[in-house]
């Protein structure tokens, strides 16, 4: 999705890593990967946030989600499994 990816925030996220690169960086820093998983990588997001981000995909998607606007501050747990949790220990 490139710049339309919902976590593409160039001012906040200076680097993005795939699993192999993250493992290499840990090893170079003297750590060993203990566990890597996408579970627990989710978060609670407001329905307003979902509608706003949907607009980045395509305005039609945002329009389809417009009925959610009155519930805007309500939140739901979302995990798209696009973030990884890494647990490491000194090597």
N, C-alpha and C. Protein backbone atom coordinates (compact mmCIF):
# COMPACT_ATOMS: atom_id res chain seq x y z
N UNK A 1 0.81 -1.20 0.00
CA UNK A 1 0.00 0.00 0.00
C UNK A 1 0.85 1.26 0.00
N UNK A 2 2.15 1.12 0.22
CA UNK A 2 3.02 2.29 0.17
C UNK A 2 2.56 3.40 1.09
N UNK A 3 2.50 4.63 0.60
CA UNK A 3 2.11 5.75 1.46
C UNK A 3 0.65 5.71 1.90
N UNK A 4 -0.15 4.79 1.36
CA UNK A 4 -1.54 4.65 1.81
C UNK A 4 -1.66 3.68 2.98
N UNK A 5 -0.55 3.04 3.37
CA UNK A 5 -0.56 2.13 4.52
C UNK A 5 -0.97 2.92 5.74
N UNK A 6 -1.86 2.36 6.56
CA UNK A 6 -2.41 3.13 7.69
C UNK A 6 -1.38 3.50 8.75
N UNK A 7 -0.22 2.86 8.76
CA UNK A 7 0.81 3.23 9.73
C UNK A 7 1.93 4.05 9.10
N UNK A 8 1.76 4.49 7.87
CA UNK A 8 2.79 5.29 7.23
C UNK A 8 2.71 6.71 7.77
N UNK A 9 3.54 6.99 8.74
CA UNK A 9 3.58 8.32 9.37
C UNK A 9 5.04 8.74 9.40
N UNK A 10 5.49 9.37 8.33
CA UNK A 10 6.91 9.66 8.20
C UNK A 10 7.46 10.53 9.32
N UNK A 11 6.65 11.34 9.94
CA UNK A 11 7.14 12.19 11.03
C UNK A 11 7.33 11.39 12.32
N UNK A 12 6.62 10.27 12.47
CA UNK A 12 6.71 9.47 13.69
C UNK A 12 7.62 8.26 13.52
N UNK A 13 7.44 7.53 12.44
CA UNK A 13 8.17 6.28 12.24
C UNK A 13 9.35 6.54 11.30
N UNK A 14 10.52 6.60 11.89
CA UNK A 14 11.70 6.90 11.10
C UNK A 14 12.20 5.68 10.33
N UNK A 15 11.94 4.50 10.86
CA UNK A 15 12.40 3.27 10.23
C UNK A 15 11.30 2.22 10.27
N UNK A 16 11.28 1.38 9.27
CA UNK A 16 10.38 0.23 9.22
C UNK A 16 11.26 -1.00 8.98
N UNK A 17 10.98 -2.08 9.68
CA UNK A 17 11.81 -3.28 9.59
C UNK A 17 10.97 -4.50 9.23
N UNK A 18 11.55 -5.36 8.43
CA UNK A 18 10.93 -6.66 8.22
C UNK A 18 11.57 -7.62 9.23
N UNK A 19 11.03 -8.81 9.43
CA UNK A 19 11.57 -9.71 10.45
C UNK A 19 13.06 -10.01 10.29
N UNK A 20 13.53 -10.23 9.06
CA UNK A 20 14.94 -10.56 8.85
C UNK A 20 15.85 -9.39 9.24
N UNK A 21 15.48 -8.18 8.87
CA UNK A 21 16.29 -7.01 9.20
C UNK A 21 16.30 -6.77 10.70
N UNK A 22 15.16 -6.92 11.35
CA UNK A 22 15.09 -6.73 12.80
C UNK A 22 16.00 -7.74 13.50
N UNK A 23 15.97 -9.00 13.06
CA UNK A 23 16.81 -10.04 13.65
C UNK A 23 18.30 -9.69 13.46
N UNK A 24 18.67 -9.24 12.27
CA UNK A 24 20.06 -8.86 11.99
C UNK A 24 20.50 -7.72 12.89
N UNK A 25 19.66 -6.71 13.05
CA UNK A 25 19.99 -5.57 13.91
C UNK A 25 20.15 -6.00 15.37
N UNK A 26 19.27 -6.88 15.83
CA UNK A 26 19.40 -7.38 17.20
C UNK A 26 20.73 -8.10 17.38
N UNK A 27 21.07 -8.96 16.42
CA UNK A 27 22.32 -9.72 16.51
C UNK A 27 23.52 -8.79 16.51
N UNK A 28 23.52 -7.78 15.66
CA UNK A 28 24.63 -6.83 15.61
C UNK A 28 24.76 -6.03 16.90
N UNK A 29 23.64 -5.86 17.61
CA UNK A 29 23.65 -5.14 18.88
C UNK A 29 23.93 -6.07 20.07
N UNK A 30 24.17 -7.35 19.78
CA UNK A 30 24.50 -8.29 20.85
C UNK A 30 23.30 -8.95 21.51
N UNK A 31 22.18 -9.00 20.80
CA UNK A 31 20.99 -9.64 21.33
C UNK A 31 20.58 -10.83 20.47
N UNK A 32 19.82 -11.70 21.07
CA UNK A 32 19.26 -12.84 20.34
C UNK A 32 17.74 -12.76 20.43
N UNK A 33 17.09 -13.01 19.33
CA UNK A 33 15.62 -12.99 19.32
C UNK A 33 15.10 -14.19 20.09
N UNK A 34 14.23 -13.93 21.04
CA UNK A 34 13.60 -14.98 21.82
C UNK A 34 12.25 -15.33 21.20
N UNK A 35 11.53 -14.29 20.83
CA UNK A 35 10.19 -14.51 20.27
C UNK A 35 9.82 -13.34 19.38
N UNK A 36 9.09 -13.66 18.32
CA UNK A 36 8.56 -12.63 17.42
C UNK A 36 7.14 -13.03 17.10
N UNK A 37 6.22 -12.10 17.29
CA UNK A 37 4.82 -12.41 16.98
C UNK A 37 4.04 -11.15 16.65
N UNK A 38 2.95 -11.37 15.96
CA UNK A 38 2.07 -10.25 15.60
C UNK A 38 0.90 -10.15 16.57
N UNK A 39 0.65 -11.23 17.32
CA UNK A 39 -0.41 -11.12 18.32
C UNK A 39 0.03 -10.10 19.35
N UNK A 40 -0.84 -9.44 19.97
CA UNK A 40 -0.60 -8.35 20.91
C UNK A 40 -0.16 -7.07 20.21
N UNK A 41 -0.05 -7.09 18.89
CA UNK A 41 0.36 -5.90 18.15
C UNK A 41 -0.79 -4.99 17.80
N UNK A 42 -1.99 -5.36 18.20
CA UNK A 42 -3.16 -4.55 17.88
C UNK A 42 -3.33 -3.39 18.84
N UNK A 43 -4.40 -2.67 18.64
CA UNK A 43 -4.66 -1.51 19.49
C UNK A 43 -6.14 -1.16 19.41
N UNK A 44 -6.59 -0.39 20.37
CA UNK A 44 -7.95 0.14 20.34
C UNK A 44 -7.93 1.43 19.53
N UNK A 45 -8.84 1.53 18.60
CA UNK A 45 -8.94 2.73 17.77
C UNK A 45 -10.39 3.19 17.73
N UNK A 46 -10.56 4.50 17.62
CA UNK A 46 -11.92 5.05 17.56
C UNK A 46 -12.49 4.81 16.16
N UNK A 47 -13.80 4.80 16.09
CA UNK A 47 -14.46 4.64 14.79
C UNK A 47 -14.17 5.85 13.91
N UNK A 48 -14.01 7.03 14.52
CA UNK A 48 -13.60 8.21 13.75
C UNK A 48 -12.26 7.97 13.05
N UNK A 49 -11.33 7.37 13.78
CA UNK A 49 -10.01 7.08 13.23
C UNK A 49 -10.13 6.11 12.05
N UNK A 50 -10.96 5.09 12.21
CA UNK A 50 -11.14 4.10 11.13
C UNK A 50 -11.69 4.77 9.88
N UNK A 51 -12.69 5.62 10.05
CA UNK A 51 -13.29 6.32 8.89
C UNK A 51 -12.25 7.23 8.24
N UNK A 52 -11.48 7.95 9.05
CA UNK A 52 -10.45 8.85 8.51
C UNK A 52 -9.40 8.07 7.73
N UNK A 53 -8.95 6.95 8.27
CA UNK A 53 -7.93 6.14 7.60
C UNK A 53 -8.50 5.46 6.35
N UNK A 54 -9.76 5.11 6.40
CA UNK A 54 -10.39 4.49 5.22
C UNK A 54 -10.35 5.45 4.03
N UNK A 55 -10.44 6.73 4.31
CA UNK A 55 -10.38 7.73 3.24
C UNK A 55 -9.03 7.69 2.51
N UNK A 56 -7.98 7.27 3.20
CA UNK A 56 -6.67 7.14 2.56
C UNK A 56 -6.67 6.00 1.55
N UNK A 57 -7.46 4.97 1.83
CA UNK A 57 -7.54 3.86 0.89
C UNK A 57 -8.27 4.29 -0.38
N UNK A 58 -9.47 4.81 -0.14
CA UNK A 58 -10.28 5.29 -1.28
C UNK A 58 -11.47 6.05 -0.70
N UNK A 59 -11.81 7.18 -1.27
CA UNK A 59 -12.94 7.96 -0.76
C UNK A 59 -14.25 7.16 -0.69
N UNK A 60 -14.43 6.22 -1.59
CA UNK A 60 -15.66 5.41 -1.57
C UNK A 60 -15.73 4.56 -0.31
N UNK A 61 -14.59 4.02 0.11
CA UNK A 61 -14.56 3.21 1.34
C UNK A 61 -14.98 4.09 2.51
N UNK A 62 -14.46 5.31 2.55
CA UNK A 62 -14.82 6.24 3.61
C UNK A 62 -16.32 6.55 3.59
N UNK A 63 -16.87 6.75 2.41
CA UNK A 63 -18.31 7.02 2.29
C UNK A 63 -19.13 5.84 2.81
N UNK A 64 -18.69 4.63 2.50
CA UNK A 64 -19.41 3.44 2.96
C UNK A 64 -19.41 3.34 4.49
N UNK A 65 -18.38 3.87 5.11
CA UNK A 65 -18.27 3.82 6.57
C UNK A 65 -18.88 5.04 7.26
N UNK A 66 -19.39 5.99 6.51
CA UNK A 66 -19.97 7.21 7.07
C UNK A 66 -21.04 6.92 8.14
N UNK A 67 -21.86 5.87 8.01
CA UNK A 67 -22.85 5.61 9.08
C UNK A 67 -22.23 5.39 10.46
N UNK A 68 -20.92 5.13 10.52
CA UNK A 68 -20.26 4.95 11.81
C UNK A 68 -19.97 6.26 12.52
N UNK A 69 -20.06 7.37 11.79
CA UNK A 69 -19.70 8.69 12.34
C UNK A 69 -20.40 9.02 13.67
N UNK A 70 -21.70 8.75 13.81
CA UNK A 70 -22.34 9.09 15.10
C UNK A 70 -21.73 8.35 16.29
N UNK A 71 -21.07 7.24 16.04
CA UNK A 71 -20.43 6.47 17.11
C UNK A 71 -18.96 6.82 17.25
N UNK A 72 -18.54 7.91 16.63
CA UNK A 72 -17.16 8.31 16.47
C UNK A 72 -16.19 8.04 17.60
N UNK A 73 -16.56 8.34 18.83
CA UNK A 73 -15.62 8.18 19.94
C UNK A 73 -15.58 6.75 20.46
N UNK A 74 -16.53 5.92 20.06
CA UNK A 74 -16.50 4.52 20.47
C UNK A 74 -15.27 3.87 19.85
N UNK A 75 -14.70 2.91 20.54
CA UNK A 75 -13.50 2.28 20.01
C UNK A 75 -13.66 0.77 19.91
N UNK A 76 -12.85 0.22 19.04
CA UNK A 76 -12.83 -1.23 18.82
C UNK A 76 -11.38 -1.67 18.78
N UNK A 77 -11.15 -2.93 19.15
CA UNK A 77 -9.81 -3.49 19.09
C UNK A 77 -9.55 -3.97 17.67
N UNK A 78 -8.42 -3.55 17.10
CA UNK A 78 -8.07 -3.91 15.73
C UNK A 78 -6.65 -4.46 15.72
N UNK A 79 -6.47 -5.61 15.09
CA UNK A 79 -5.13 -6.15 14.89
C UNK A 79 -5.05 -6.65 13.46
N UNK A 80 -4.33 -5.91 12.62
CA UNK A 80 -4.16 -6.29 11.22
C UNK A 80 -2.93 -7.17 11.02
N UNK A 81 -2.26 -7.52 12.12
CA UNK A 81 -1.06 -8.36 12.09
C UNK A 81 0.01 -7.77 11.18
N UNK A 82 0.10 -6.44 11.16
CA UNK A 82 1.10 -5.75 10.35
C UNK A 82 2.19 -5.12 11.22
N UNK A 83 2.16 -5.42 12.50
CA UNK A 83 3.20 -4.96 13.42
C UNK A 83 3.74 -6.19 14.12
N UNK A 84 5.01 -6.13 14.49
CA UNK A 84 5.58 -7.28 15.18
C UNK A 84 6.05 -6.87 16.57
N UNK A 85 5.90 -7.79 17.49
CA UNK A 85 6.41 -7.64 18.84
C UNK A 85 7.65 -8.52 18.91
N UNK A 86 8.78 -7.92 19.27
CA UNK A 86 10.03 -8.67 19.38
C UNK A 86 10.44 -8.74 20.84
N UNK A 87 10.79 -9.93 21.28
CA UNK A 87 11.34 -10.12 22.61
C UNK A 87 12.76 -10.66 22.39
N UNK A 88 13.71 -9.99 23.03
CA UNK A 88 15.11 -10.38 22.83
C UNK A 88 15.83 -10.45 24.18
N UNK A 89 16.94 -11.13 24.17
CA UNK A 89 17.79 -11.24 25.36
C UNK A 89 19.24 -11.04 24.94
N UNK A 90 20.10 -10.67 25.86
CA UNK A 90 21.51 -10.56 25.50
C UNK A 90 22.01 -11.90 24.97
N UNK A 91 22.80 -11.87 23.93
CA UNK A 91 23.29 -13.12 23.32
C UNK A 91 24.30 -13.80 24.23
